[in-house]
Protein backbone atom coordinates (compact mmCIF):
# COMPACT_ATOMS: atom_id res chain seq x y z
CA MET A 1 70.72 124.86 93.18
CA ALA A 2 69.27 121.36 92.93
CA VAL A 3 71.54 120.57 89.99
CA SER A 4 74.72 121.21 92.02
CA ARG A 5 73.69 118.71 94.71
CA TYR A 6 73.57 115.69 92.42
CA PRO A 7 77.27 115.60 91.48
CA LEU A 8 78.15 115.81 95.19
CA ARG A 9 75.87 112.90 96.03
CA ARG A 10 77.37 110.78 93.26
CA ARG A 11 80.86 111.42 94.65
CA ALA A 12 79.78 110.61 98.20
CA LEU A 13 78.66 107.10 97.24
CA PRO A 14 82.09 105.95 95.94
CA ALA A 15 83.72 107.58 98.98
CA ALA A 16 81.44 105.65 101.32
CA ALA A 17 82.28 102.51 99.38
CA ALA A 18 85.97 103.32 99.78
CA VAL A 19 85.59 103.63 103.56
CA ALA A 20 83.68 100.34 103.62
CA SER A 21 86.44 98.75 101.53
CA ILE A 22 89.04 99.79 104.10
CA VAL A 23 87.11 97.99 106.81
CA LEU A 24 86.74 94.87 104.68
CA ILE A 25 90.36 94.84 103.53
CA THR A 26 91.82 95.33 107.01
CA SER A 27 89.50 92.76 108.60
CA ALA A 28 90.10 90.24 105.78
CA SER A 29 93.86 90.57 106.16
CA ARG A 30 93.49 89.84 109.88
CA SER A 31 91.44 86.66 109.41
CA ALA A 32 93.57 85.12 106.66
CA PRO A 33 95.45 82.10 108.04
CA ALA A 34 99.23 81.96 107.76
CA GLN A 35 100.47 79.50 105.17
CA THR A 36 103.20 78.08 107.39
CA PRO A 37 103.63 78.58 111.12
CA GLU A 38 107.29 79.61 110.77
CA ALA A 39 106.63 82.09 107.95
CA THR A 40 107.10 85.70 109.01
CA PRO A 41 104.71 88.03 107.21
CA PRO A 42 106.32 90.89 105.30
CA ALA A 43 106.74 94.17 107.16
CA ALA A 44 103.79 96.48 106.67
CA TRP A 45 105.91 99.65 106.89
CA ARG A 46 108.52 100.97 104.47
CA VAL A 47 110.86 103.96 104.39
CA GLU A 48 110.45 106.76 101.83
CA CYS A 49 112.95 109.58 101.46
CA SER A 50 112.97 112.82 99.50
CA GLY A 51 115.40 115.66 99.38
CA ASP A 52 116.60 118.78 97.67
CA GLY A 53 120.17 117.59 97.14
CA LYS A 54 121.32 119.05 100.45
CA VAL A 55 118.95 117.61 103.04
CA LEU A 56 117.38 114.15 102.95
CA GLU A 57 114.06 113.79 104.77
CA CYS A 58 112.79 110.27 105.44
CA ARG A 59 109.59 108.87 106.91
CA ALA A 60 108.02 105.51 107.77
CA VAL A 61 105.02 104.90 105.49
CA GLN A 62 102.15 102.47 105.21
CA GLN A 63 99.42 102.66 102.56
CA VAL A 64 96.22 100.72 101.94
CA PHE A 65 94.88 100.48 98.39
CA HIS A 66 91.60 99.13 97.07
CA ARG A 67 92.39 95.74 95.56
CA GLU A 68 90.53 96.15 92.27
CA THR A 69 90.75 99.88 91.55
CA ARG A 70 94.15 100.48 93.20
CA GLN A 71 92.63 103.66 94.67
CA LEU A 72 94.49 104.89 97.76
CA LEU A 73 92.18 104.40 100.72
CA LEU A 74 94.47 105.26 103.62
CA SER A 75 98.04 106.46 104.00
CA VAL A 76 100.03 107.03 107.19
CA ALA A 77 103.47 108.66 107.15
CA VAL A 78 105.51 109.12 110.34
CA ARG A 79 108.56 111.38 110.35
CA PRO A 80 110.91 111.09 113.34
CA GLY A 81 111.40 114.18 115.47
CA ALA A 82 114.79 115.77 116.10
CA ASP A 83 115.10 113.85 119.39
CA GLY A 84 114.52 110.52 117.61
CA LYS A 85 111.82 109.54 120.11
CA SER A 86 108.87 111.73 119.14
CA GLY A 87 107.54 112.31 115.65
CA ALA A 88 105.03 113.86 113.29
CA MET A 89 102.31 111.88 111.55
CA LEU A 90 100.36 112.70 108.40
CA VAL A 91 97.24 110.62 107.74
CA THR A 92 95.52 110.74 104.34
CA LEU A 93 91.89 109.58 104.41
CA PRO A 94 89.28 109.15 101.67
CA LEU A 95 86.68 111.78 100.86
CA GLY A 96 83.14 111.40 102.16
CA LEU A 97 83.91 111.68 105.87
CA ASN A 98 82.20 113.76 108.52
CA VAL A 99 84.88 116.46 108.82
CA SER A 100 83.26 118.14 111.84
CA GLU A 101 84.24 115.23 114.10
CA PRO A 102 87.87 114.58 115.11
CA VAL A 103 89.83 111.55 113.98
CA GLN A 104 90.81 109.22 116.83
CA VAL A 105 94.21 107.50 116.81
CA LYS A 106 95.29 104.81 119.25
CA VAL A 107 97.58 101.80 119.51
CA ASP A 108 95.84 98.51 120.31
CA ASN A 109 93.46 99.20 123.23
CA GLY A 110 95.38 102.20 124.60
CA ALA A 111 94.12 105.71 125.13
CA SER A 112 93.03 107.48 121.98
CA GLU A 113 94.28 110.84 120.83
CA LYS A 114 91.93 113.10 118.91
CA GLN A 115 92.90 115.34 116.04
CA ALA A 116 90.81 117.45 113.69
CA ILE A 117 90.87 116.96 109.93
CA GLN A 118 92.84 119.96 108.67
CA THR A 119 91.81 120.05 105.02
CA CYS A 120 90.44 118.00 102.14
CA THR A 121 91.44 118.13 98.48
CA ASN A 122 90.58 115.91 95.52
CA ALA A 123 93.33 113.55 96.80
CA GLY A 124 91.59 113.03 100.16
CA CYS A 125 91.38 114.47 103.67
CA PHE A 126 94.50 115.20 105.72
CA VAL A 127 95.22 114.94 109.42
CA ALA A 128 98.60 116.11 110.72
CA MET A 129 99.58 115.54 114.33
CA THR A 130 102.60 115.57 116.59
CA LEU A 131 103.36 112.21 118.18
CA SER A 132 104.60 112.15 121.75
CA ASP A 133 107.48 109.86 122.66
CA LYS A 134 104.90 107.79 124.60
CA LEU A 135 102.76 107.21 121.49
CA VAL A 136 105.82 106.41 119.33
CA ALA A 137 106.97 103.91 121.99
CA ALA A 138 103.51 102.30 121.93
CA MET A 139 103.66 102.10 118.12
CA ARG A 140 107.08 100.41 118.33
CA THR A 141 105.77 97.63 120.56
CA GLY A 142 102.10 97.53 119.60
CA THR A 143 100.24 95.29 117.20
CA ASP A 144 97.77 97.66 115.49
CA LEU A 145 97.40 101.37 114.84
CA LYS A 146 93.68 102.07 115.03
CA ILE A 147 92.27 105.11 113.28
CA THR A 148 88.60 105.90 113.80
CA VAL A 149 86.67 108.35 111.64
CA GLN A 150 83.02 109.07 111.13
CA ASP A 151 81.40 108.51 107.75
CA ALA A 152 78.99 111.00 106.20
CA ASN A 153 76.15 109.41 108.21
CA LYS A 154 78.05 110.02 111.49
CA LYS A 155 78.73 106.31 112.00
CA PRO A 156 82.18 105.45 113.36
CA VAL A 157 84.50 103.53 111.05
CA GLU A 158 87.61 101.99 112.63
CA MET A 159 90.56 101.21 110.39
CA SER A 160 93.29 99.01 111.79
CA LEU A 161 96.81 99.07 110.36
CA PRO A 162 99.39 96.50 111.45
CA LEU A 163 102.44 97.95 113.18
CA LEU A 164 104.65 95.11 111.98
CA GLY A 165 107.95 96.63 110.89
CA PHE A 166 107.17 100.12 112.23
CA ALA A 167 110.08 100.26 114.69
CA LEU A 168 112.61 99.24 112.01
CA ALA A 169 111.21 101.71 109.44
CA PHE A 170 111.06 104.51 112.04
CA ASP A 171 114.69 103.88 113.03
CA LYS A 172 115.85 103.82 109.39
CA ALA A 173 113.99 107.09 108.73
CA LYS A 174 116.09 108.96 111.35
């Protein structure tokens, strides 16, 4: 039994480092000064589509990668609902999280919504949730999407994704 614990511990360390990297990357991108006052930063969201030849399904996507290893640290995909106002969101998180605690999602300093982690695979942990029209409206006008998880030591880790370009990507994904 003791032998099987060691490989798990070795994997937990890089996962904890990945979560720490997310915090450093998102906070470093916030504190970097703009090169020119008139320069508009590039949109943080893009549109991805896939289909079977008959139906095309599109979603607004933002991903955060580790700068050196190019490992995916966080991915958020939002698919518009049939009404065009609500939506569905899939969040991919790194391994090494406390999966017994819910993930908290909020826009700027608004009310947070809690959602359980549904499953984890070797690609990461997944959270799927339905977005109300109120939350989508907040994402359209907000500055940051804040996702809070707990690491393996039950310490909260807040990841902040810019919402720049979300409204345009969401509209194009309809």
